Amino acid sequence: MGCGYGIIRPIISLVSVPLSQRISGMSLHPHVITPVPEDTARVARAAFPKGHPYLTSRDALGTIFQDEDFTALFPAWGPPGLPPWRLALVTIMQFRENLADRQAAEAVCARIDWKYLLSLELTDY
């Protein structure tokens, strides 16, 4: 199964459109930020028994961002967009690891440390 659909597809779509042609059609409908799913936490802790910076960051700081932090960036109308706190974290991790857009999309699909930080189920992609 290919990556790039689920959560990360809008990022790739957005960057492929020139800034001058982007029109925001998504509105912000704040989501309740859920805890790390139980299975994701179990697998992540088994994969990194000595810890990992992303797991430690999530445990110590939470998600860092809240949807409300991005209210000014969204119009009041339109279909709901993906949670901006998640997209912001993906952007930070992408920069930290010097990844191309496609590589970041694949990391969301395949890496348990990213799923943990983003509160994603093991099956989310």
PDB file of N, CA and C in Angstrom:
ATOM      1  N   MET A   1       0.855  -1.169   0.000  1.00  0.00           N
ATOM      2  CA  MET A   1       0.000   0.000   0.000  1.00  0.00           C
ATOM      3  C   MET A   1       0.900   1.230   0.000  1.00  0.00           C
ATOM      4  N   GLY A   2       0.616   2.180  -0.835  1.00  0.00           N
ATOM      5  CA  GLY A   2       1.432   3.379  -0.928  1.00  0.00           C
ATOM      6  C   GLY A   2       1.108   4.387   0.154  1.00  0.00           C
ATOM      7  N   CYS A   3       2.084   5.180   0.470  1.00  0.00           N
ATOM      8  CA  CYS A   3       1.883   6.251   1.441  1.00  0.00           C
ATOM      9  C   CYS A   3       1.440   7.518   0.721  1.00  0.00           C
ATOM     10  N   GLY A   4       1.089   8.507   1.516  1.00  0.00           N
ATOM     11  CA  GLY A   4       0.802   9.801   0.940  1.00  0.00           C
ATOM     12  C   GLY A   4      -0.675  10.112   0.874  1.00  0.00           C
ATOM     13  N   TYR A   5      -1.520   9.244   1.351  1.00  0.00           N
ATOM     14  CA  TYR A   5      -2.939   9.538   1.309  1.00  0.00           C
ATOM     15  C   TYR A   5      -3.332  10.156   2.636  1.00  0.00           C
ATOM     16  N   GLY A   6      -3.993   9.534   3.518  1.00  0.00           N
ATOM     17  CA  GLY A   6      -4.386   9.991   4.835  1.00  0.00           C
ATOM     18  C   GLY A   6      -3.950  11.380   5.252  1.00  0.00           C
ATOM     19  N   ILE A   7      -3.183  11.478   6.298  1.00  0.00           N
ATOM     20  CA  ILE A   7      -2.850  12.758   6.926  1.00  0.00           C
ATOM     21  C   ILE A   7      -1.903  13.624   6.112  1.00  0.00           C
ATOM     22  N   ILE A   8      -0.980  13.052   5.382  1.00  0.00           N
ATOM     23  CA  ILE A   8       0.086  13.847   4.781  1.00  0.00           C
ATOM     24  C   ILE A   8      -0.215  14.310   3.368  1.00  0.00           C
ATOM     25  N   ARG A   9      -1.187  13.727   2.704  1.00  0.00           N
ATOM     26  CA  ARG A   9      -1.487  14.094   1.322  1.00  0.00           C
ATOM     27  C   ARG A   9      -1.740  15.589   1.143  1.00  0.00           C
ATOM     28  N   PRO A  10      -2.489  16.260   2.025  1.00  0.00           N
ATOM     29  CA  PRO A  10      -2.698  17.698   1.839  1.00  0.00           C
ATOM     30  C   PRO A  10      -1.414  18.510   1.869  1.00  0.00           C
ATOM     31  N   ILE A  11      -0.412  18.076   2.599  1.00  0.00           N
ATOM     32  CA  ILE A  11       0.857  18.803   2.635  1.00  0.00           C
ATOM     33  C   ILE A  11       1.499  18.765   1.251  1.00  0.00           C
ATOM     34  N   ILE A  12       1.535  17.589   0.650  1.00  0.00           N
ATOM     35  CA  ILE A  12       2.149  17.450  -0.661  1.00  0.00           C
ATOM     36  C   ILE A  12       1.342  18.219  -1.695  1.00  0.00           C
ATOM     37  N   SER A  13       0.025  18.174  -1.612  1.00  0.00           N
ATOM     38  CA  SER A  13      -0.821  18.924  -2.541  1.00  0.00           C
ATOM     39  C   SER A  13      -0.578  20.416  -2.399  1.00  0.00           C
ATOM     40  N   LEU A  14      -0.444  20.890  -1.177  1.00  0.00           N
ATOM     41  CA  LEU A  14      -0.277  22.314  -0.935  1.00  0.00           C
ATOM     42  C   LEU A  14       1.034  22.826  -1.504  1.00  0.00           C
ATOM     43  N   VAL A  15       2.115  22.100  -1.289  1.00  0.00           N
ATOM     44  CA  VAL A  15       3.403  22.596  -1.743  1.00  0.00           C
ATOM     45  C   VAL A  15       3.561  22.480  -3.250  1.00  0.00           C
ATOM     46  N   SER A  16       2.723  21.704  -3.919  1.00  0.00           N
ATOM     47  CA  SER A  16       2.833  21.578  -5.365  1.00  0.00           C
ATOM     48  C   SER A  16       2.111  22.703  -6.099  1.00  0.00           C
ATOM     49  N   VAL A  17       1.360  23.533  -5.383  1.00  0.00           N
ATOM     50  CA  VAL A  17       0.651  24.661  -5.978  1.00  0.00           C
ATOM     51  C   VAL A  17       1.423  25.935  -5.657  1.00  0.00           C
ATOM     52  N   PRO A  18       1.719  26.763  -6.673  1.00  0.00           N
ATOM     53  CA  PRO A  18       2.445  28.013  -6.401  1.00  0.00           C
ATOM     54  C   PRO A  18       1.682  28.890  -5.405  1.00  0.00           C
ATOM     55  N   LEU A  19       2.419  29.586  -4.548  1.00  0.00           N
ATOM     56  CA  LEU A  19       1.814  30.433  -3.524  1.00  0.00           C
ATOM     57  C   LEU A  19       0.814  31.418  -4.117  1.00  0.00           C
ATOM     58  N   SER A  20       1.112  31.956  -5.285  1.00  0.00           N
ATOM     59  CA  SER A  20       0.223  32.940  -5.902  1.00  0.00           C
ATOM     60  C   SER A  20      -1.125  32.344  -6.307  1.00  0.00           C
ATOM     61  N   GLN A  21      -1.213  31.016  -6.421  1.00  0.00           N
ATOM     62  CA  GLN A  21      -2.454  30.371  -6.846  1.00  0.00           C
ATOM     63  C   GLN A  21      -3.200  29.699  -5.697  1.00  0.00           C
ATOM     64  N   ARG A  22      -2.633  29.742  -4.497  1.00  0.00           N
ATOM     65  CA  ARG A  22      -3.273  29.083  -3.356  1.00  0.00           C
ATOM     66  C   ARG A  22      -4.425  29.922  -2.839  1.00  0.00           C
ATOM     67  N   ILE A  23      -5.556  29.298  -2.714  1.00  0.00           N
ATOM     68  CA  ILE A  23      -6.721  29.929  -2.116  1.00  0.00           C
ATOM     69  C   ILE A  23      -7.171  28.999  -1.004  1.00  0.00           C
ATOM     70  N   SER A  24      -7.216  29.531   0.187  1.00  0.00           N
ATOM     71  CA  SER A  24      -7.585  28.691   1.313  1.00  0.00           C
ATOM     72  C   SER A  24      -9.047  28.303   1.220  1.00  0.00           C
ATOM     73  N   GLY A  25      -9.310  27.023   1.107  1.00  0.00           N
ATOM     74  CA  GLY A  25     -10.677  26.545   1.050  1.00  0.00           C
ATOM     75  C   GLY A  25     -11.023  25.728   2.272  1.00  0.00           C
ATOM     76  N   MET A  26     -10.084  25.582   3.180  1.00  0.00           N
ATOM     77  CA  MET A  26     -10.314  24.787   4.374  1.00  0.00           C
ATOM     78  C   MET A  26     -10.558  25.699   5.564  1.00  0.00           C
ATOM     79  N   SER A  27     -11.461  25.293   6.408  1.00  0.00           N
ATOM     80  CA  SER A  27     -11.719  26.061   7.617  1.00  0.00           C
ATOM     81  C   SER A  27     -11.201  25.278   8.813  1.00  0.00           C
ATOM     82  N   LEU A  28     -11.037  25.984   9.900  1.00  0.00           N
ATOM     83  CA  LEU A  28     -10.518  25.348  11.107  1.00  0.00           C
ATOM     84  C   LEU A  28     -11.676  24.915  11.986  1.00  0.00           C
ATOM     85  N   HIS A  29     -11.758  23.644  12.196  1.00  0.00           N
ATOM     86  CA  HIS A  29     -12.716  23.075  13.136  1.00  0.00           C
ATOM     87  C   HIS A  29     -11.865  22.382  14.193  1.00  0.00           C
ATOM     88  N   PRO A  30     -11.592  23.056  15.304  1.00  0.00           N
ATOM     89  CA  PRO A  30     -10.674  22.484  16.295  1.00  0.00           C
ATOM     90  C   PRO A  30     -11.056  21.061  16.701  1.00  0.00           C
ATOM     91  N   HIS A  31     -10.052  20.242  16.793  1.00  0.00           N
ATOM     92  CA  HIS A  31     -10.210  18.849  17.184  1.00  0.00           C
ATOM     93  C   HIS A  31      -9.762  18.681  18.629  1.00  0.00           C
ATOM     94  N   VAL A  32     -10.361  17.766  19.303  1.00  0.00           N
ATOM     95  CA  VAL A  32      -9.878  17.390  20.623  1.00  0.00           C
ATOM     96  C   VAL A  32      -8.624  16.556  20.404  1.00  0.00           C
ATOM     97  N   ILE A  33      -7.542  16.970  21.028  1.00  0.00           N
ATOM     98  CA  ILE A  33      -6.297  16.229  20.863  1.00  0.00           C
ATOM     99  C   ILE A  33      -6.334  15.033  21.800  1.00  0.00           C
ATOM    100  N   THR A  34      -6.338  13.879  21.192  1.00  0.00           N
ATOM    101  CA  THR A  34      -6.459  12.651  21.957  1.00  0.00           C
ATOM    102  C   THR A  34      -5.089  12.183  22.440  1.00  0.00           C
ATOM    103  N   PRO A  35      -5.078  11.386  23.487  1.00  0.00           N
ATOM    104  CA  PRO A  35      -3.805  10.808  23.940  1.00  0.00           C
ATOM    105  C   PRO A  35      -3.249   9.867  22.873  1.00  0.00           C
ATOM    106  N   VAL A  36      -2.002   9.504  23.022  1.00  0.00           N
ATOM    107  CA  VAL A  36      -1.390   8.535  22.118  1.00  0.00           C
ATOM    108  C   VAL A  36      -2.193   7.237  22.228  1.00  0.00           C
ATOM    109  N   PRO A  37      -2.626   6.677  21.096  1.00  0.00           N
ATOM    110  CA  PRO A  37      -3.379   5.416  21.151  1.00  0.00           C
ATOM    111  C   PRO A  37      -2.592   4.330  21.877  1.00  0.00           C
ATOM    112  N   GLU A  38      -3.304   3.503  22.597  1.00  0.00           N
ATOM    113  CA  GLU A  38      -2.688   2.474  23.447  1.00  0.00           C
ATOM    114  C   GLU A  38      -1.754   1.548  22.665  1.00  0.00           C
ATOM    115  N   ASP A  39      -2.197   1.058  21.512  1.00  0.00           N
ATOM    116  CA  ASP A  39      -1.350   0.159  20.717  1.00  0.00           C
ATOM    117  C   ASP A  39      -0.104   0.874  20.203  1.00  0.00           C
ATOM    118  N   THR A  40      -0.258   2.121  19.793  1.00  0.00           N
ATOM    119  CA  THR A  40       0.889   2.895  19.315  1.00  0.00           C
ATOM    120  C   THR A  40       1.897   3.077  20.444  1.00  0.00           C
ATOM    121  N   ALA A  41       1.416   3.404  21.631  1.00  0.00           N
ATOM    122  CA  ALA A  41       2.310   3.589  22.777  1.00  0.00           C
ATOM    123  C   ALA A  41       3.029   2.290  23.118  1.00  0.00           C
ATOM    124  N   ARG A  42       2.302   1.187  23.116  1.00  0.00           N
ATOM    125  CA  ARG A  42       2.888  -0.114  23.455  1.00  0.00           C
ATOM    126  C   ARG A  42       3.996  -0.484  22.471  1.00  0.00           C
ATOM    127  N   VAL A  43       3.716  -0.348  21.183  1.00  0.00           N
ATOM    128  CA  VAL A  43       4.701  -0.707  20.153  1.00  0.00           C
ATOM    129  C   VAL A  43       5.892   0.257  20.193  1.00  0.00           C
ATOM    130  N   ALA A  44       5.631   1.533  20.379  1.00  0.00           N
ATOM    131  CA  ALA A  44       6.718   2.520  20.423  1.00  0.00           C
ATOM    132  C   ALA A  44       7.641   2.250  21.607  1.00  0.00           C
ATOM    133  N   ARG A  45       7.068   1.947  22.743  1.00  0.00           N
ATOM    134  CA  ARG A  45       7.907   1.677  23.922  1.00  0.00           C
ATOM    135  C   ARG A  45       8.698   0.376  23.759  1.00  0.00           C
ATOM    136  N   ALA A  46       8.118  -0.593  23.062  1.00  0.00           N
ATOM    137  CA  ALA A  46       8.850  -1.828  22.784  1.00  0.00           C
ATOM    138  C   ALA A  46       9.968  -1.586  21.772  1.00  0.00           C
ATOM    139  N   ALA A  47       9.717  -0.724  20.795  1.00  0.00           N
ATOM    140  CA  ALA A  47      10.714  -0.431  19.766  1.00  0.00           C
ATOM    141  C   ALA A  47      11.870   0.416  20.311  1.00  0.00           C
ATOM    142  N   PHE A  48      11.561   1.263  21.309  1.00  0.00           N
ATOM    143  CA  PHE A  48      12.570   2.167  21.875  1.00  0.00           C
ATOM    144  C   PHE A  48      12.606   2.015  23.399  1.00  0.00           C
ATOM    145  N   PRO A  49      13.078   0.872  23.895  1.00  0.00           N
ATOM    146  CA  PRO A  49      13.057   0.652  25.346  1.00  0.00           C
ATOM    147  C   PRO A  49      13.922   1.637  26.133  1.00  0.00           C
ATOM    148  N   LYS A  50      14.921   2.222  25.491  1.00  0.00           N
ATOM    149  CA  LYS A  50      15.778   3.204  26.169  1.00  0.00           C
ATOM    150  C   LYS A  50      15.320   4.630  25.915  1.00  0.00           C
ATOM    151  N   GLY A  51      14.194   4.781  25.231  1.00  0.00           N
ATOM    152  CA  GLY A  51      13.656   6.104  24.951  1.00  0.00           C
ATOM    153  C   GLY A  51      14.009   6.588  23.559  1.00  0.00           C
ATOM    154  N   HIS A  52      13.378   7.667  23.173  1.00  0.00           N
ATOM    155  CA  HIS A  52      13.588   8.286  21.870  1.00  0.00           C
ATOM    156  C   HIS A  52      13.197   9.754  22.004  1.00  0.00           C
ATOM    157  N   PRO A  53      13.899  10.664  21.339  1.00  0.00           N
ATOM    158  CA  PRO A  53      13.585  12.090  21.498  1.00  0.00           C
ATOM    159  C   PRO A  53      12.127  12.457  21.205  1.00  0.00           C
ATOM    160  N   TYR A  54      11.510  11.854  20.191  1.00  0.00           N
ATOM    161  CA  TYR A  54      10.122  12.191  19.880  1.00  0.00           C
ATOM    162  C   TYR A  54       9.172  11.681  20.962  1.00  0.00           C
ATOM    163  N   LEU A  55       9.442  10.499  21.492  1.00  0.00           N
ATOM    164  CA  LEU A  55       8.596   9.961  22.563  1.00  0.00           C
ATOM    165  C   LEU A  55       8.753  10.817  23.813  1.00  0.00           C
ATOM    166  N   THR A  56       9.986  11.157  24.142  1.00  0.00           N
ATOM    167  CA  THR A  56      10.244  11.987  25.317  1.00  0.00           C
ATOM    168  C   THR A  56       9.594  13.356  25.174  1.00  0.00           C
ATOM    169  N   SER A  57       9.697  13.926  23.982  1.00  0.00           N
ATOM    170  CA  SER A  57       9.085  15.234  23.724  1.00  0.00           C
ATOM    171  C   SER A  57       7.579  15.176  23.920  1.00  0.00           C
ATOM    172  N   ARG A  58       6.949  14.162  23.365  1.00  0.00           N
ATOM    173  CA  ARG A  58       5.491  14.040  23.493  1.00  0.00           C
ATOM    174  C   ARG A  58       5.098  13.842  24.958  1.00  0.00           C
ATOM    175  N   ASP A  59       5.839  13.016  25.668  1.00  0.00           N
ATOM    176  CA  ASP A  59       5.521  12.753  27.072  1.00  0.00           C
ATOM    177  C   ASP A  59       5.715  13.992  27.934  1.00  0.00           C
ATOM    178  N   ALA A  60       6.747  14.762  27.652  1.00  0.00           N
ATOM    179  CA  ALA A  60       7.060  15.928  28.485  1.00  0.00           C
ATOM    180  C   ALA A  60       6.267  17.175  28.102  1.00  0.00           C
ATOM    181  N   LEU A  61       6.046  17.382  26.804  1.00  0.00           N
ATOM    182  CA  LEU A  61       5.455  18.629  26.336  1.00  0.00           C
ATOM    183  C   LEU A  61       4.060  18.488  25.735  1.00  0.00           C
ATOM    184  N   GLY A  62       3.589  17.277  25.576  1.00  0.00           N
ATOM    185  CA  GLY A  62       2.314  17.096  24.891  1.00  0.00           C
ATOM    186  C   GLY A  62       2.510  17.307  23.405  1.00  0.00           C
ATOM    187  N   THR A  63       1.518  17.904  22.767  1.00  0.00           N
ATOM    188  CA  THR A  63       1.600  18.102  21.323  1.00  0.00           C
ATOM    189  C   THR A  63       2.275  19.417  20.953  1.00  0.00           C
ATOM    190  N   ILE A  64       2.638  20.210  21.906  1.00  0.00           N
ATOM    191  CA  ILE A  64       3.284  21.516  21.762  1.00  0.00           C
ATOM    192  C   ILE A  64       2.286  22.554  21.243  1.00  0.00           C
ATOM    193  N   PHE A  65       1.565  22.233  20.174  1.00  0.00           N
ATOM    194  CA  PHE A  65       0.615  23.159  19.566  1.00  0.00           C
ATOM    195  C   PHE A  65      -0.818  22.736  19.875  1.00  0.00           C
ATOM    196  N   GLN A  66      -1.722  23.678  19.755  1.00  0.00           N
ATOM    197  CA  GLN A  66      -3.169  23.427  19.833  1.00  0.00           C
ATOM    198  C   GLN A  66      -3.772  23.980  18.549  1.00  0.00           C
ATOM    199  N   ASP A  67      -4.889  23.431  18.100  1.00  0.00           N
ATOM    200  CA  ASP A  67      -5.530  23.945  16.891  1.00  0.00           C
ATOM    201  C   ASP A  67      -5.805  25.444  16.997  1.00  0.00           C
ATOM    202  N   GLU A  68      -6.167  25.900  18.166  1.00  0.00           N
ATOM    203  CA  GLU A  68      -6.513  27.306  18.360  1.00  0.00           C
ATOM    204  C   GLU A  68      -5.335  28.246  18.065  1.00  0.00           C
ATOM    205  N   ASP A  69      -4.112  27.728  18.126  1.00  0.00           N
ATOM    206  CA  ASP A  69      -2.931  28.539  17.814  1.00  0.00           C
ATOM    207  C   ASP A  69      -2.935  28.998  16.351  1.00  0.00           C
ATOM    208  N   PHE A  70      -3.735  28.354  15.520  1.00  0.00           N
ATOM    209  CA  PHE A  70      -3.724  28.602  14.084  1.00  0.00           C
ATOM    210  C   PHE A  70      -5.007  29.260  13.579  1.00  0.00           C
ATOM    211  N   THR A  71      -5.866  29.707  14.473  1.00  0.00           N
ATOM    212  CA  THR A  71      -7.165  30.260  14.100  1.00  0.00           C
ATOM    213  C   THR A  71      -7.054  31.368  13.063  1.00  0.00           C
ATOM    214  N   ALA A  72      -6.108  32.263  13.212  1.00  0.00           N
ATOM    215  CA  ALA A  72      -5.979  33.409  12.308  1.00  0.00           C
ATOM    216  C   ALA A  72      -5.600  33.004  10.883  1.00  0.00           C
ATOM    217  N   LEU A  73      -5.135  31.783  10.685  1.00  0.00           N
ATOM    218  CA  LEU A  73      -4.691  31.342   9.370  1.00  0.00           C
ATOM    219  C   LEU A  73      -5.798  30.710   8.527  1.00  0.00           C
ATOM    220  N   PHE A  74      -6.986  30.536   9.103  1.00  0.00           N
ATOM    221  CA  PHE A  74      -8.067  29.839   8.420  1.00  0.00           C
ATOM    222  C   PHE A  74      -9.286  30.730   8.254  1.00  0.00           C
ATOM    223  N   PRO A  75      -9.986  30.608   7.119  1.00  0.00           N
ATOM    224  CA  PRO A  75     -11.246  31.341   6.969  1.00  0.00           C
ATOM    225  C   PRO A  75     -12.329  30.700   7.831  1.00  0.00           C
ATOM    226  N   ALA A  76     -13.418  31.391   7.988  1.00  0.00           N
ATOM    227  CA  ALA A  76     -14.519  30.897   8.821  1.00  0.00           C
ATOM    228  C   ALA A  76     -15.403  29.914   8.074  1.00  0.00           C
ATOM    229  N   TRP A  77     -15.214  29.728   6.784  1.00  0.00           N
ATOM    230  CA  TRP A  77     -16.069  28.854   5.996  1.00  0.00           C
ATOM    231  C   TRP A  77     -15.227  27.788   5.311  1.00  0.00           C
ATOM    232  N   GLY A  78     -15.892  26.812   4.752  1.00  0.00           N
ATOM    233  CA  GLY A  78     -15.222  25.753   4.001  1.00  0.00           C
ATOM    234  C   GLY A  78     -15.182  24.460   4.780  1.00  0.00           C
ATOM    235  N   PRO A  79     -14.838  23.391   4.088  1.00  0.00           N
ATOM    236  CA  PRO A  79     -14.754  22.092   4.760  1.00  0.00           C
ATOM    237  C   PRO A  79     -13.614  22.087   5.776  1.00  0.00           C
ATOM    238  N   PRO A  80     -13.715  21.242   6.775  1.00  0.00           N
ATOM    239  CA  PRO A  80     -12.650  21.216   7.784  1.00  0.00           C
ATOM    240  C   PRO A  80     -11.336  20.700   7.205  1.00  0.00           C
ATOM    241  N   GLY A  81     -10.253  21.326   7.624  1.00  0.00           N
ATOM    242  CA  GLY A  81      -8.932  20.882   7.228  1.00  0.00           C
ATOM    243  C   GLY A  81      -8.395  19.877   8.241  1.00  0.00           C
ATOM    244  N   LEU A  82      -7.235  19.339   7.954  1.00  0.00           N
ATOM    245  CA  LEU A  82      -6.581  18.445   8.909  1.00  0.00           C
ATOM    246  C   LEU A  82      -6.138  19.253  10.114  1.00  0.00           C
ATOM    247  N   PRO A  83      -5.983  18.612  11.263  1.00  0.00           N
ATOM    248  CA  PRO A  83      -5.553  19.342  12.461  1.00  0.00           C
ATOM    249  C   PRO A  83      -4.214  20.058  12.223  1.00  0.00           C
ATOM    250  N   PRO A  84      -4.207  21.373  12.325  1.00  0.00           N
ATOM    251  CA  PRO A  84      -2.963  22.109  12.044  1.00  0.00           C
ATOM    252  C   PRO A  84      -1.842  21.810  13.027  1.00  0.00           C
ATOM    253  N   TRP A  85      -2.163  21.409  14.266  1.00  0.00           N
ATOM    254  CA  TRP A  85      -1.094  21.070  15.208  1.00  0.00           C
ATOM    255  C   TRP A  85      -0.285  19.901  14.665  1.00  0.00           C
ATOM    256  N   ARG A  86      -0.957  18.947  14.010  1.00  0.00           N
ATOM    257  CA  ARG A  86      -0.261  17.791  13.444  1.00  0.00           C
ATOM    258  C   ARG A  86       0.602  18.213  12.263  1.00  0.00           C
ATOM    259  N   LEU A  87       0.055  19.024  11.398  1.00  0.00           N
ATOM    260  CA  LEU A  87       0.809  19.472  10.233  1.00  0.00           C
ATOM    261  C   LEU A  87       2.033  20.285  10.651  1.00  0.00           C
ATOM    262  N   ALA A  88       1.897  21.085  11.705  1.00  0.00           N
ATOM    263  CA  ALA A  88       3.031  21.865  12.205  1.00  0.00           C
ATOM    264  C   ALA A  88       4.133  20.937  12.725  1.00  0.00           C
ATOM    265  N   LEU A  89       3.756  19.908  13.454  1.00  0.00           N
ATOM    266  CA  LEU A  89       4.761  18.967  13.959  1.00  0.00           C
ATOM    267  C   LEU A  89       5.435  18.211  12.825  1.00  0.00           C
ATOM    268  N   VAL A  90       4.672  17.820  11.801  1.00  0.00           N
ATOM    269  CA  VAL A  90       5.272  17.141  10.649  1.00  0.00           C
ATOM    270  C   VAL A  90       6.301  18.057   9.995  1.00  0.00           C
ATOM    271  N   THR A  91       5.974  19.330   9.869  1.00  0.00           N
ATOM    272  CA  THR A  91       6.900  20.284   9.267  1.00  0.00           C
ATOM    273  C   THR A  91       8.178  20.407  10.091  1.00  0.00           C
ATOM    274  N   ILE A  92       8.042  20.452  11.409  1.00  0.00           N
ATOM    275  CA  ILE A  92       9.217  20.542  12.288  1.00  0.00           C
ATOM    276  C   ILE A  92      10.085  19.295  12.167  1.00  0.00           C
ATOM    277  N   MET A  93       9.466  18.119  12.191  1.00  0.00           N
ATOM    278  CA  MET A  93      10.238  16.877  12.078  1.00  0.00           C
ATOM    279  C   MET A  93      10.879  16.761  10.694  1.00  0.00           C
ATOM    280  N   GLN A  94      10.158  17.187   9.661  1.00  0.00           N
ATOM    281  CA  GLN A  94      10.704  17.166   8.309  1.00  0.00           C
ATOM    282  C   GLN A  94      11.955  18.031   8.236  1.00  0.00           C
ATOM    283  N   PHE A  95      11.892  19.226   8.819  1.00  0.00           N
ATOM    284  CA  PHE A  95      13.049  20.124   8.827  1.00  0.00           C
ATOM    285  C   PHE A  95      14.190  19.524   9.652  1.00  0.00           C
ATOM    286  N   ARG A  96      13.853  19.006  10.833  1.00  0.00           N
ATOM    287  CA  ARG A  96      14.878  18.457  11.734  1.00  0.00           C
ATOM    288  C   ARG A  96      15.660  17.326  11.070  1.00  0.00           C
ATOM    289  N   GLU A  97      14.954  16.528  10.271  1.00  0.00           N
ATOM    290  CA  GLU A  97      15.591  15.368   9.646  1.00  0.00           C
ATOM    291  C   GLU A  97      15.985  15.624   8.193  1.00  0.00           C
ATOM    292  N   ASN A  98      15.791  16.870   7.731  1.00  0.00           N
ATOM    293  CA  ASN A  98      16.151  17.246   6.370  1.00  0.00           C
ATOM    294  C   ASN A  98      15.518  16.307   5.343  1.00  0.00           C
ATOM    295  N   LEU A  99      14.205  16.154   5.419  1.00  0.00           N
ATOM    296  CA  LEU A  99      13.483  15.253   4.531  1.00  0.00           C
ATOM    297  C   LEU A  99      12.742  16.022   3.447  1.00  0.00           C
ATOM    298  N   ALA A 100      12.651  15.432   2.284  1.00  0.00           N
ATOM    299  CA  ALA A 100      11.809  15.962   1.208  1.00  0.00           C
ATOM    300  C   ALA A 100      10.348  15.687   1.588  1.00  0.00           C
ATOM    301  N   ASP A 101       9.420  16.319   0.894  1.00  0.00           N
ATOM    302  CA  ASP A 101       7.998  16.133   1.186  1.00  0.00           C
ATOM    303  C   ASP A 101       7.591  14.655   1.132  1.00  0.00           C
ATOM    304  N   ARG A 102       8.009  13.960   0.103  1.00  0.00           N
ATOM    305  CA  ARG A 102       7.652  12.546  -0.047  1.00  0.00           C
ATOM    306  C   ARG A 102       8.250  11.733   1.098  1.00  0.00           C
ATOM    307  N   GLN A 103       9.465  12.025   1.494  1.00  0.00           N
ATOM    308  CA  GLN A 103      10.086  11.298   2.605  1.00  0.00           C
ATOM    309  C   GLN A 103       9.339  11.552   3.907  1.00  0.00           C
ATOM    310  N   ALA A 104       8.875  12.771   4.121  1.00  0.00           N
ATOM    311  CA  ALA A 104       8.085  13.071   5.318  1.00  0.00           C
ATOM    312  C   ALA A 104       6.768  12.306   5.287  1.00  0.00           C
ATOM    313  N   ALA A 105       6.142  12.233   4.123  1.00  0.00           N
ATOM    314  CA  ALA A 105       4.897  11.470   3.987  1.00  0.00           C
ATOM    315  C   ALA A 105       5.135  10.002   4.317  1.00  0.00           C
ATOM    316  N   GLU A 106       6.237   9.464   3.840  1.00  0.00           N
ATOM    317  CA  GLU A 106       6.560   8.068   4.125  1.00  0.00           C
ATOM    318  C   GLU A 106       6.875   7.853   5.599  1.00  0.00           C
ATOM    319  N   ALA A 107       7.498   8.837   6.238  1.00  0.00           N
ATOM    320  CA  ALA A 107       7.798   8.719   7.666  1.00  0.00           C
ATOM    321  C   ALA A 107       6.514   8.667   8.491  1.00  0.00           C
ATOM    322  N   VAL A 108       5.514   9.467   8.113  1.00  0.00           N
ATOM    323  CA  VAL A 108       4.224   9.419   8.816  1.00  0.00           C
ATOM    324  C   VAL A 108       3.610   8.034   8.666  1.00  0.00           C
ATOM    325  N   CYS A 109       3.765   7.431   7.501  1.00  0.00           N
ATOM    326  CA  CYS A 109       3.203   6.102   7.246  1.00  0.00           C
ATOM    327  C   CYS A 109       3.943   5.001   7.990  1.00  0.00           C
ATOM    328  N   ALA A 110       5.255   5.100   8.056  1.00  0.00           N
ATOM    329  CA  ALA A 110       6.060   3.955   8.445  1.00  0.00           C
ATOM    330  C   ALA A 110       6.730   4.025   9.809  1.00  0.00           C
ATOM    331  N   ARG A 111       6.898   5.199  10.363  1.00  0.00           N
ATOM    332  CA  ARG A 111       7.720   5.305  11.565  1.00  0.00           C
ATOM    333  C   ARG A 111       6.886   5.422  12.833  1.00  0.00           C
ATOM    334  N   ILE A 112       7.134   4.541  13.747  1.00  0.00           N
ATOM    335  CA  ILE A 112       6.384   4.502  15.001  1.00  0.00           C
ATOM    336  C   ILE A 112       6.673   5.738  15.854  1.00  0.00           C
ATOM    337  N   ASP A 113       7.896   6.270  15.805  1.00  0.00           N
ATOM    338  CA  ASP A 113       8.205   7.466  16.594  1.00  0.00           C
ATOM    339  C   ASP A 113       7.386   8.657  16.113  1.00  0.00           C
ATOM    340  N   TRP A 114       7.165   8.774  14.807  1.00  0.00           N
ATOM    341  CA  TRP A 114       6.333   9.852  14.272  1.00  0.00           C
ATOM    342  C   TRP A 114       4.872   9.622  14.659  1.00  0.00           C
ATOM    343  N   LYS A 115       4.398   8.399  14.539  1.00  0.00           N
ATOM    344  CA  LYS A 115       3.007   8.102  14.902  1.00  0.00           C
ATOM    345  C   LYS A 115       2.759   8.425  16.378  1.00  0.00           C
ATOM    346  N   TYR A 116       3.714   8.124  17.223  1.00  0.00           N
ATOM    347  CA  TYR A 116       3.583   8.410  18.650  1.00  0.00           C
ATOM    348  C   TYR A 116       3.454   9.909  18.885  1.00  0.00           C
ATOM    349  N   LEU A 117       4.363  10.682  18.332  1.00  0.00           N
ATOM    350  CA  LEU A 117       4.335  12.130  18.524  1.00  0.00           C
ATOM    351  C   LEU A 117       3.060  12.755  17.963  1.00  0.00           C
ATOM    352  N   LEU A 118       2.537  12.186  16.876  1.00  0.00           N
ATOM    353  CA  LEU A 118       1.352  12.730  16.212  1.00  0.00           C
ATOM    354  C   LEU A 118       0.037  12.126  16.715  1.00  0.00           C
ATOM    355  N   SER A 119       0.095  11.258  17.715  1.00  0.00           N
ATOM    356  CA  SER A 119      -1.106  10.592  18.256  1.00  0.00           C
ATOM    357  C   SER A 119      -1.871   9.825  17.187  1.00  0.00           C
ATOM    358  N   LEU A 120      -1.159   9.098  16.362  1.00  0.00           N
ATOM    359  CA  LEU A 120      -1.802   8.336  15.299  1.00  0.00           C
ATOM    360  C   LEU A 120      -1.898   6.867  15.656  1.00  0.00           C
ATOM    361  N   GLU A 121      -2.957   6.235  15.198  1.00  0.00           N
ATOM    362  CA  GLU A 121      -3.093   4.786  15.325  1.00  0.00           C
ATOM    363  C   GLU A 121      -2.018   4.126  14.455  1.00  0.00           C
ATOM    364  N   LEU A 122      -1.685   2.906  14.778  1.00  0.00           N
ATOM    365  CA  LEU A 122      -0.704   2.176  13.968  1.00  0.00           C
ATOM    366  C   LEU A 122      -1.154   2.044  12.518  1.00  0.00           C
ATOM    367  N   THR A 123      -2.438   1.998  12.298  1.00  0.00           N
ATOM    368  CA  THR A 123      -2.978   1.820  10.943  1.00  0.00           C
ATOM    369  C   THR A 123      -3.203   3.131  10.203  1.00  0.00           C
ATOM    370  N   ASP A 124      -2.993   4.278  10.851  1.00  0.00           N
ATOM    371  CA  ASP A 124      -3.161   5.563  10.165  1.00  0.00           C
ATOM    372  C   ASP A 124      -2.007   5.806   9.214  1.00  0.00           C
ATOM    373  N   TYR A 125      -2.336   6.330   8.051  1.00  0.00           N
ATOM    374  CA  TYR A 125      -1.298   6.709   7.080  1.00  0.00           C
ATOM    375  C   TYR A 125      -1.782   7.860   6.250  1.00  0.00           C
TER     376      TYR A 125
END
